[in-house]
Amino acid sequence: MKRIFVLPLLAAGFFLNAQSIGNSPYAAFGIGDVKYDNTTDVNAMGGISTAYIWDFNNNFNFSNPAANKNLELATVKIEGTNENNFFKSNFDNANVTKHSSYLSNITVAFPLSSKVKFGLGYQPYSSKKYSVLNKQTLSDGTVKAEMFRGEGTLSTVQAALSYQVSPELGFGLRSNFYFGNLYDINELTYSTAELINGYETKNKIKTFNFTLGSAYQKKLQNDRRLTLGATYTFGNTGQMETSYTNSTYYYSAGETKNNVSIIDQNFSSDKNLIPMEFSLGAGYGHDTKWFLGTQFDYKKGETIQFLGQPFANQNSYRFAAGGWYLPNYNNFRNYFSRVTYRYGAYYEKGNLSLNGTNINQFAITGGVTLPFENRSVNRMSGIDLGLEIGKRGTLDNNMIRQNFINLRVGINFADKWFVKRLYD
């Protein structure tokens, strides 16, 4: 190639560090705030990936590893995300704004043959980065302060293989390796005492699971296409090792703990970390001109430890719709005729239910794919821009409502590799 978490919603407020992965108090529960969300172009269409086969030859679909029959070029993608979150709570009329920017995706993919395609990718899967302080003055004048904070990132490395059984039908397999450390810490202090009582949960994660995919695309009359897709993610090979430490200490010189006294320690392991999930999708479009798709995702709830206590995530589901429009990919006199315009929306019934209130999410999305060059109808390389505007949570029951504006940018370099050049 040439080129949270509502336990502390009774608190006076919360604060989070900027320029880090994760900015939501809802990240306190489970494995944190899930960041894995496809590539920039797919996200700009509401996340419809299960029945999405790109009409051109320079894009690899990791979400459904079966939907890659048109890939003919080696591709490298590098993507970044900028999150802008605006939190509001009716408790004490709290308003907080937080920002985060991070590298969100690196992938490489190429055809092994006309029927077999292969891809490797890295993404942050989830993150914890929250801090909530709750202060209370007791009847004797003593000030009780309770701090809840968390940190850590869970990342995933993926390898995907596609096989085209026939021109219409393809199957695929993706292996997913998750690794990282996640921490939840609860610290209790009194104005009349020097020592802090701290309870720390550390989750060390190294685990595999697998995604099976299928995709069917039928050519219809007048260059129309019908696309159907399904994926199923299953299995947990590996485990999450969890350690709990209850101790007393005090801080000196910043974050250095001194005079640490262990009160209690426990250890456990669990394989039920990344839940089973499946996805169904359908799409209809005109070859190289437009596409419209819908998708339904379901994810099974799991129970994991939070500050030494079991916490049950609920079953969740997601509805999405979106697509793309390309005016004229062969018009080299008008650049904007060769730009792909993307649009979409989704609604997600989340896996959190706190104080009897579901934490759901809704967003509208949009974006463009800008080609780099004029020299080929293959649309080899380009830049993807995406915008996501939405809401998570509610103001009911002293919860936190999270409005967000997320910006995504990705660069896709595509060319032919491993091709022997012929000279006269």
Protein backbone atom coordinates (compact mmCIF):
# COMPACT_ATOMS: atom_id res chain seq x y z
CA MET A 1 0.00 0.00 0.00
CA LYS A 2 1.33 3.41 -0.93
CA ARG A 3 -0.07 5.76 0.94
CA ILE A 4 -24.01 5.74 38.97
CA PHE A 5 -24.85 4.95 39.41
CA VAL A 6 -27.56 5.93 41.54
CA LEU A 7 -26.42 4.78 44.92
CA PRO A 8 -24.62 8.12 45.13
CA LEU A 9 -27.24 10.06 43.29
CA LEU A 10 -28.14 11.23 46.75
CA ALA A 11 -24.74 12.83 46.64
CA ALA A 12 -24.06 16.50 46.24
CA GLY A 13 -22.45 15.87 42.88
CA PHE A 14 -19.89 13.90 40.99
CA PHE A 15 -16.77 14.69 39.04
CA LEU A 16 -14.81 12.80 36.39
CA ASN A 17 -11.42 13.39 34.83
CA ALA A 18 -11.42 14.79 31.29
CA GLN A 19 -9.50 13.38 28.35
CA SER A 20 -9.90 9.77 29.43
CA ILE A 21 -12.03 6.90 28.17
CA GLY A 22 -15.34 7.09 29.95
CA ASN A 23 -17.24 9.92 31.51
CA SER A 24 -20.51 8.50 32.83
CA PRO A 25 -21.52 7.76 36.43
CA TYR A 26 -23.49 4.80 35.05
CA ALA A 27 -20.11 3.19 34.33
CA ALA A 28 -19.96 2.26 38.02
CA PHE A 29 -21.92 -0.95 37.44
CA GLY A 30 -20.77 -4.17 35.83
CA ILE A 31 -17.91 -3.97 33.36
CA GLY A 32 -18.39 -0.23 32.92
CA ASP A 33 -19.53 1.90 30.01
CA VAL A 34 -19.44 -0.24 26.86
CA LYS A 35 -17.57 1.65 24.12
CA TYR A 36 -17.49 -1.04 21.45
CA ASP A 37 -19.72 0.37 18.73
CA ASN A 38 -18.64 -0.69 15.26
CA THR A 39 -16.71 1.58 12.89
CA THR A 40 -17.40 5.24 12.13
CA ASP A 41 -19.34 4.55 8.93
CA VAL A 42 -21.55 1.91 10.59
CA ASN A 43 -22.17 4.06 13.67
CA ALA A 44 -23.29 6.93 11.40
CA MET A 45 -26.07 4.63 10.15
CA GLY A 46 -27.45 3.92 13.63
CA GLY A 47 -25.21 0.86 14.03
CA ILE A 48 -26.87 -1.30 11.36
CA SER A 49 -24.13 -3.84 10.57
CA THR A 50 -25.76 -7.29 10.65
CA ALA A 51 -27.26 -7.01 7.14
CA TYR A 52 -24.76 -4.47 5.78
CA ILE A 53 -22.60 -5.48 2.82
CA TRP A 54 -20.75 -2.48 1.40
CA ASP A 55 -21.29 -2.27 -2.37
CA PHE A 56 -17.65 -1.42 -3.05
CA ASN A 57 -14.44 -3.33 -2.44
CA ASN A 58 -12.63 -1.48 0.36
CA ASN A 59 -14.52 -2.19 3.60
CA PHE A 60 -14.50 -5.08 6.09
CA ASN A 61 -17.48 -5.72 8.39
CA PHE A 62 -16.25 -6.97 11.79
CA SER A 63 -19.67 -6.95 13.45
CA ASN A 64 -20.95 -9.56 11.02
CA PRO A 65 -17.89 -11.43 9.76
CA ALA A 66 -20.00 -13.11 7.05
CA ALA A 67 -20.88 -9.81 5.30
CA ASN A 68 -17.63 -9.28 3.39
CA LYS A 69 -18.11 -10.79 -0.04
CA ASN A 70 -17.17 -7.57 -1.89
CA LEU A 71 -13.82 -6.98 -0.15
CA GLU A 72 -11.07 -7.11 -2.80
CA LEU A 73 -8.52 -4.65 -1.41
CA ALA A 74 -6.35 -4.68 1.67
CA THR A 75 -7.61 -2.01 4.07
CA VAL A 76 -6.23 -0.28 7.15
CA LYS A 77 -8.56 1.80 9.35
CA ILE A 78 -7.61 4.15 12.17
CA GLU A 79 -10.40 5.90 14.05
CA GLY A 80 -10.88 8.27 16.97
CA THR A 81 -13.85 9.40 19.06
CA ASN A 82 -14.62 12.63 20.87
CA GLU A 83 -17.41 12.36 23.48
CA ASN A 84 -19.19 15.38 24.93
CA ASN A 85 -21.53 14.57 27.82
CA PHE A 86 -23.95 16.92 29.56
CA PHE A 87 -25.28 15.59 32.87
CA LYS A 88 -28.26 16.94 34.76
CA SER A 89 -29.98 15.87 37.98
CA ASN A 90 -32.91 17.36 39.83
CA PHE A 91 -31.06 16.67 43.06
CA ASP A 92 -29.55 20.03 44.02
CA ASN A 93 -30.10 21.16 40.37
CA ALA A 94 -26.75 19.67 39.42
CA ASN A 95 -25.35 20.31 35.91
CA VAL A 96 -21.99 18.91 34.82
CA THR A 97 -20.25 18.84 31.42
CA LYS A 98 -17.49 16.35 30.63
CA HIS A 99 -15.41 15.60 27.55
CA SER A 100 -13.35 12.62 26.44
CA SER A 101 -11.21 11.82 23.39
CA TYR A 102 -9.61 8.48 22.62
CA LEU A 103 -8.39 6.11 19.92
CA SER A 104 -11.44 3.95 19.22
CA ASN A 105 -10.49 1.53 16.48
CA ILE A 106 -7.53 0.06 14.57
CA THR A 107 -8.21 -2.63 11.96
CA VAL A 108 -6.48 -4.32 9.05
CA ALA A 109 -8.21 -6.65 6.59
CA PHE A 110 -7.48 -8.27 3.23
CA PRO A 111 -8.76 -11.01 0.92
CA LEU A 112 -7.04 -14.40 1.13
CA SER A 113 -8.88 -15.55 -1.99
CA SER A 114 -12.01 -14.66 -3.92
CA LYS A 115 -14.10 -16.49 -1.29
CA VAL A 116 -12.07 -16.08 1.90
CA LYS A 117 -11.50 -12.73 3.66
CA PHE A 118 -9.59 -12.06 6.90
CA GLY A 119 -9.43 -9.16 9.37
CA LEU A 120 -7.70 -8.16 12.63
CA GLY A 121 -8.88 -5.36 14.89
CA TYR A 122 -8.45 -3.60 18.23
CA GLN A 123 -11.02 -1.52 20.12
CA PRO A 124 -11.57 -0.41 23.72
CA TYR A 125 -14.58 -2.48 24.80
CA SER A 126 -15.60 -0.78 28.04
CA SER A 127 -14.29 1.65 30.65
CA LYS A 128 -14.77 2.84 34.20
CA LYS A 129 -13.96 6.45 35.06
CA TYR A 130 -16.26 7.90 37.66
CA SER A 131 -15.99 9.61 41.01
CA VAL A 132 -18.91 10.44 43.30
CA LEU A 133 -18.67 12.18 46.69
CA ASN A 134 -21.47 12.06 49.26
CA LYS A 135 -21.17 14.29 52.35
CA GLN A 136 -23.48 14.26 55.35
CA THR A 137 -23.40 16.20 58.63
CA LEU A 138 -24.45 14.02 61.58
CA SER A 139 -26.41 15.17 64.63
CA ASP A 140 -23.23 15.58 66.70
CA GLY A 141 -21.64 17.84 64.08
CA THR A 142 -19.39 15.12 62.65
CA VAL A 143 -19.03 15.21 58.85
CA LYS A 144 -19.32 11.84 57.17
CA ALA A 145 -17.83 11.66 53.66
CA GLU A 146 -18.25 8.68 51.37
CA MET A 147 -16.38 8.49 48.07
CA PHE A 148 -17.24 6.08 45.25
CA ARG A 149 -14.77 5.93 42.39
CA GLY A 150 -13.76 3.59 39.64
CA GLU A 151 -11.18 3.31 36.90
CA GLY A 152 -9.82 0.94 34.30
CA THR A 153 -10.37 -0.15 30.70
CA LEU A 154 -11.40 -3.43 29.12
CA SER A 155 -10.05 -3.83 25.58
CA THR A 156 -10.74 -6.37 22.85
CA VAL A 157 -8.62 -7.81 20.04
CA GLN A 158 -10.53 -9.54 17.28
CA ALA A 159 -9.74 -11.90 14.41
CA ALA A 160 -12.45 -12.49 11.81
CA LEU A 161 -12.72 -14.89 8.89
CA SER A 162 -15.35 -14.78 6.12
CA TYR A 163 -16.21 -17.56 3.68
CA GLN A 164 -18.50 -17.08 0.67
CA VAL A 165 -20.33 -20.37 0.06
CA SER A 166 -22.13 -19.03 -3.02
CA PRO A 167 -22.64 -15.62 -4.64
CA GLU A 168 -25.65 -15.13 -2.35
CA LEU A 169 -24.68 -16.85 0.93
CA GLY A 170 -21.73 -16.27 3.25
CA PHE A 171 -20.68 -17.43 6.72
CA GLY A 172 -18.15 -16.00 9.14
CA LEU A 173 -16.46 -16.51 12.49
CA ARG A 174 -14.93 -13.89 14.78
CA SER A 175 -12.86 -14.61 17.89
CA ASN A 176 -12.85 -11.94 20.59
CA PHE A 177 -10.14 -11.67 23.25
CA TYR A 178 -10.91 -9.34 26.16
CA PHE A 179 -8.27 -8.12 28.59
CA GLY A 180 -7.83 -5.42 31.21
CA ASN A 181 -8.26 -4.43 34.86
CA LEU A 182 -11.31 -2.70 36.35
CA TYR A 183 -11.39 -1.15 39.84
CA ASP A 184 -14.25 -0.02 42.09
CA ILE A 185 -13.34 1.72 45.36
CA ASN A 186 -15.57 2.86 48.23
CA GLU A 187 -13.87 5.06 50.87
CA LEU A 188 -15.50 6.18 54.12
CA THR A 189 -14.10 8.97 56.31
CA TYR A 190 -15.24 10.96 59.38
CA SER A 191 -14.06 14.44 60.34
CA THR A 192 -13.27 13.08 63.83
CA ALA A 193 -11.05 10.25 62.55
CA GLU A 194 -7.70 10.23 60.75
CA LEU A 195 -7.99 6.85 59.07
CA ILE A 196 -9.96 6.06 55.93
CA ASN A 197 -11.91 2.81 55.68
CA GLY A 198 -11.58 1.61 52.09
CA TYR A 199 -13.22 -1.29 50.26
CA GLU A 200 -11.66 -2.10 46.87
CA THR A 201 -12.83 -4.51 44.19
CA LYS A 202 -10.32 -5.40 41.47
CA ASN A 203 -11.43 -7.38 38.40
CA LYS A 204 -8.63 -8.85 36.31
CA ILE A 205 -10.00 -10.05 32.98
CA LYS A 206 -8.59 -12.37 30.34
CA THR A 207 -11.25 -14.19 28.36
CA PHE A 208 -12.30 -15.30 24.86
CA ASN A 209 -15.65 -15.64 23.22
CA PHE A 210 -16.81 -16.15 19.64
CA THR A 211 -19.25 -14.67 17.14
CA LEU A 212 -20.86 -16.67 14.35
CA GLY A 213 -22.31 -14.76 11.42
CA SER A 214 -24.34 -15.40 8.30
CA ALA A 215 -25.30 -13.10 5.43
CA TYR A 216 -27.55 -13.59 2.43
CA GLN A 217 -27.85 -11.13 -0.44
CA LYS A 218 -30.18 -11.63 -3.39
CA LYS A 219 -30.05 -9.57 -6.57
CA LEU A 220 -33.49 -8.44 -7.69
CA GLN A 221 -34.77 -6.66 -10.77
CA ASN A 222 -33.62 -3.15 -11.69
CA ASP A 223 -30.32 -3.47 -9.78
CA ARG A 224 -32.10 -3.85 -6.45
CA ARG A 225 -30.67 -6.01 -3.65
CA LEU A 226 -32.22 -7.68 -0.60
CA THR A 227 -29.85 -8.44 2.27
CA LEU A 228 -30.48 -10.56 5.37
CA GLY A 229 -28.04 -11.19 8.22
CA ALA A 230 -27.72 -12.78 11.66
CA THR A 231 -25.01 -13.07 14.30
CA TYR A 232 -24.70 -15.00 17.57
CA THR A 233 -22.03 -14.36 20.22
CA PHE A 234 -21.42 -17.15 22.71
CA GLY A 235 -18.95 -18.78 25.10
CA ASN A 236 -16.55 -17.57 27.77
CA THR A 237 -13.18 -19.29 27.58
CA GLY A 238 -11.08 -17.81 30.36
CA GLN A 239 -12.20 -16.00 33.46
CA MET A 240 -12.50 -12.86 35.51
CA GLU A 241 -10.47 -12.96 38.72
CA THR A 242 -11.93 -10.74 41.43
CA SER A 243 -10.18 -9.70 44.63
CA TYR A 244 -11.80 -7.78 47.50
CA THR A 245 -9.81 -5.86 50.07
CA ASN A 246 -11.25 -4.13 53.13
CA SER A 247 -8.60 -2.00 54.87
CA THR A 248 -7.85 1.19 56.77
CA TYR A 249 -5.18 3.73 55.79
CA TYR A 250 -4.50 7.39 55.19
CA TYR A 251 -3.07 9.27 52.22
CA SER A 252 0.17 11.21 52.15
CA ALA A 253 2.04 12.80 49.26
CA GLY A 254 -0.94 12.62 46.95
CA GLU A 255 -2.20 9.09 46.27
CA THR A 256 0.32 7.20 48.42
CA LYS A 257 -1.32 5.01 51.07
CA ASN A 258 0.31 4.79 54.48
CA ASN A 259 -0.30 2.77 57.61
CA VAL A 260 -2.33 0.20 55.68
CA SER A 261 -4.11 -2.32 57.88
CA ILE A 262 -5.94 -5.21 56.16
CA ILE A 263 -9.28 -6.03 57.80
CA ASP A 264 -10.49 -8.65 55.33
CA GLN A 265 -9.55 -10.10 51.94
CA ASN A 266 -11.43 -12.41 49.58
CA PHE A 267 -10.89 -13.85 46.12
CA SER A 268 -13.25 -15.35 43.53
CA SER A 269 -13.35 -16.18 39.83
CA ASP A 270 -16.19 -16.19 37.31
CA LYS A 271 -16.58 -17.03 33.63
CA ASN A 272 -19.90 -15.23 33.08
CA LEU A 273 -18.49 -11.86 32.12
CA ILE A 274 -19.34 -11.06 28.50
CA PRO A 275 -22.99 -12.01 27.95
CA MET A 276 -24.54 -14.01 25.18
CA GLU A 277 -26.04 -11.86 22.46
CA PHE A 278 -27.58 -12.18 19.03
CA SER A 279 -28.56 -9.84 16.22
CA LEU A 280 -30.97 -9.97 13.27
CA GLY A 281 -30.93 -7.54 10.37
CA ALA A 282 -32.54 -6.86 7.00
CA GLY A 283 -31.77 -4.35 4.27
CA TYR A 284 -32.89 -3.26 0.83
CA GLY A 285 -31.13 -1.05 -1.68
CA HIS A 286 -30.15 -0.05 -5.19
CA ASP A 287 -26.70 -1.19 -6.31
CA THR A 288 -24.10 1.59 -5.75
CA LYS A 289 -26.83 4.22 -5.16
CA TRP A 290 -28.65 3.78 -1.83
CA PHE A 291 -29.34 1.36 1.00
CA LEU A 292 -31.80 1.20 3.92
CA GLY A 293 -31.56 -1.34 6.75
CA THR A 294 -33.04 -2.27 10.12
CA GLN A 295 -31.62 -4.29 12.98
CA PHE A 296 -32.62 -5.88 16.30
CA ASP A 297 -30.00 -6.75 18.95
CA TYR A 298 -30.54 -8.73 22.15
CA LYS A 299 -28.07 -9.13 25.01
CA LYS A 300 -28.54 -11.44 27.99
CA GLY A 301 -28.10 -9.96 31.45
CA GLU A 302 -25.35 -11.22 33.75
CA THR A 303 -24.65 -10.92 37.49
CA ILE A 304 -21.22 -9.73 38.57
CA GLN A 305 -19.68 -8.48 41.80
CA PHE A 306 -19.79 -4.77 42.70
CA LEU A 307 -18.13 -3.69 45.95
CA GLY A 308 -18.41 -7.23 47.25
CA GLN A 309 -22.10 -7.60 46.46
CA PRO A 310 -23.75 -9.29 43.46
CA PHE A 311 -25.25 -6.86 40.97
CA ALA A 312 -27.61 -8.11 38.26
CA ASN A 313 -27.55 -6.55 34.81
CA GLN A 314 -30.89 -6.84 33.03
CA ASN A 315 -31.55 -8.33 29.63
CA SER A 316 -31.28 -5.55 27.07
CA TYR A 317 -32.32 -4.99 23.48
CA ARG A 318 -31.75 -2.43 20.75
CA PHE A 319 -33.69 -1.35 17.63
CA ALA A 320 -31.85 0.53 14.88
CA ALA A 321 -32.55 1.80 11.38
CA GLY A 322 -30.34 3.63 8.92
CA GLY A 323 -28.67 3.63 5.57
CA TRP A 324 -26.65 5.53 3.00
CA TYR A 325 -27.08 7.50 -0.23
CA LEU A 326 -24.49 8.01 -2.99
CA PRO A 327 -25.50 10.47 -5.76
CA ASN A 328 -23.09 9.30 -8.49
CA TYR A 329 -19.84 7.50 -7.68
CA ASN A 330 -18.68 7.85 -11.31
CA ASN A 331 -19.05 11.64 -11.56
CA PHE A 332 -15.49 12.96 -11.43
CA ARG A 333 -16.51 16.52 -12.26
CA ASN A 334 -18.51 16.98 -9.06
CA TYR A 335 -16.75 15.86 -5.89
CA PHE A 336 -19.89 15.93 -3.73
CA SER A 337 -21.62 13.52 -6.10
CA ARG A 338 -19.06 10.91 -5.00
CA VAL A 339 -19.55 11.55 -1.27
CA THR A 340 -21.55 8.89 0.61
CA TYR A 341 -24.16 10.39 2.94
CA ARG A 342 -25.16 8.27 5.96
CA TYR A 343 -28.09 8.54 8.38
CA GLY A 344 -29.69 6.52 11.17
CA ALA A 345 -31.28 6.28 14.62
CA TYR A 346 -31.56 3.75 17.43
CA TYR A 347 -33.35 3.06 20.70
CA GLU A 348 -31.79 0.87 23.39
CA LYS A 349 -33.45 -0.60 26.43
CA GLY A 350 -30.36 -0.68 28.63
CA ASN A 351 -29.13 -3.37 31.01
CA LEU A 352 -29.36 -1.11 34.08
CA SER A 353 -32.46 -0.86 36.26
CA LEU A 354 -31.92 1.31 39.34
CA ASN A 355 -34.50 2.08 41.99
CA GLY A 356 -37.08 0.52 39.68
CA THR A 357 -36.15 2.84 36.80
CA ASN A 358 -34.69 1.60 33.51
CA ILE A 359 -31.68 3.46 32.11
CA ASN A 360 -32.47 3.59 28.40
CA GLN A 361 -30.81 5.38 25.48
CA PHE A 362 -31.89 7.00 22.22
CA ALA A 363 -29.87 8.75 19.51
CA ILE A 364 -29.94 10.00 15.94
CA THR A 365 -26.82 9.64 13.81
CA GLY A 366 -25.38 10.92 10.57
CA GLY A 367 -22.15 11.19 8.67
CA VAL A 368 -20.29 11.22 5.37
CA THR A 369 -17.58 9.22 3.64
CA LEU A 370 -15.23 11.50 1.71
CA PRO A 371 -13.13 9.85 -1.02
CA PHE A 372 -9.48 10.84 -1.28
CA GLU A 373 -8.92 10.39 -5.01
CA ASN A 374 -10.56 10.83 -8.40
CA ARG A 375 -8.69 8.16 -10.27
CA SER A 376 -10.76 5.03 -9.60
CA VAL A 377 -14.38 3.96 -9.24
CA ASN A 378 -13.14 1.48 -6.63
CA ARG A 379 -13.24 4.32 -4.05
CA MET A 380 -10.06 2.96 -2.56
CA SER A 381 -9.26 5.36 0.28
CA GLY A 382 -11.26 7.94 2.17
CA ILE A 383 -12.17 9.60 5.42
CA ASP A 384 -15.30 8.82 7.46
CA LEU A 385 -16.97 11.47 9.62
CA GLY A 386 -19.78 10.65 12.04
CA LEU A 387 -22.07 12.50 14.44
CA GLU A 388 -24.23 11.01 17.20
CA ILE A 389 -26.70 13.08 19.26
CA GLY A 390 -28.74 11.42 21.97
CA LYS A 391 -29.93 10.96 25.51
CA ARG A 392 -29.37 8.33 28.19
CA GLY A 393 -31.15 7.99 31.51
CA THR A 394 -33.89 10.11 33.05
CA LEU A 395 -34.51 12.77 35.69
CA ASP A 396 -37.09 10.57 37.44
CA ASN A 397 -36.37 9.33 40.98
CA ASN A 398 -33.36 11.62 41.36
CA MET A 399 -31.56 9.90 38.51
CA ILE A 400 -29.07 11.51 36.15
CA ARG A 401 -29.99 12.38 32.57
CA GLN A 402 -27.04 12.20 30.20
CA ASN A 403 -27.29 14.15 26.94
CA PHE A 404 -24.41 13.51 24.57
CA ILE A 405 -22.88 14.68 21.31
CA ASN A 406 -20.26 12.26 20.00
CA LEU A 407 -17.97 12.99 17.07
CA ARG A 408 -16.11 10.26 15.21
CA VAL A 409 -13.46 10.37 12.53
CA GLY A 410 -11.84 7.48 10.68
CA ILE A 411 -9.31 7.15 7.89
CA ASN A 412 -9.46 4.14 5.58
CA PHE A 413 -6.40 3.35 3.45
CA ALA A 414 -7.12 0.71 0.80
CA ASP A 415 -5.01 -0.74 -1.98
CA LYS A 416 -3.97 -4.04 -3.53
CA TRP A 417 -1.36 -6.01 -1.60
CA PHE A 418 0.51 -9.18 -2.51
CA VAL A 419 -0.09 -8.61 -6.24
CA LYS A 420 2.82 -9.44 -8.51
CA ARG A 421 3.44 -6.60 -10.98
CA LEU A 422 3.88 -7.55 -14.62
CA TYR A 423 6.25 -5.70 -16.94
CA ASP A 424 6.64 -5.98 -20.70
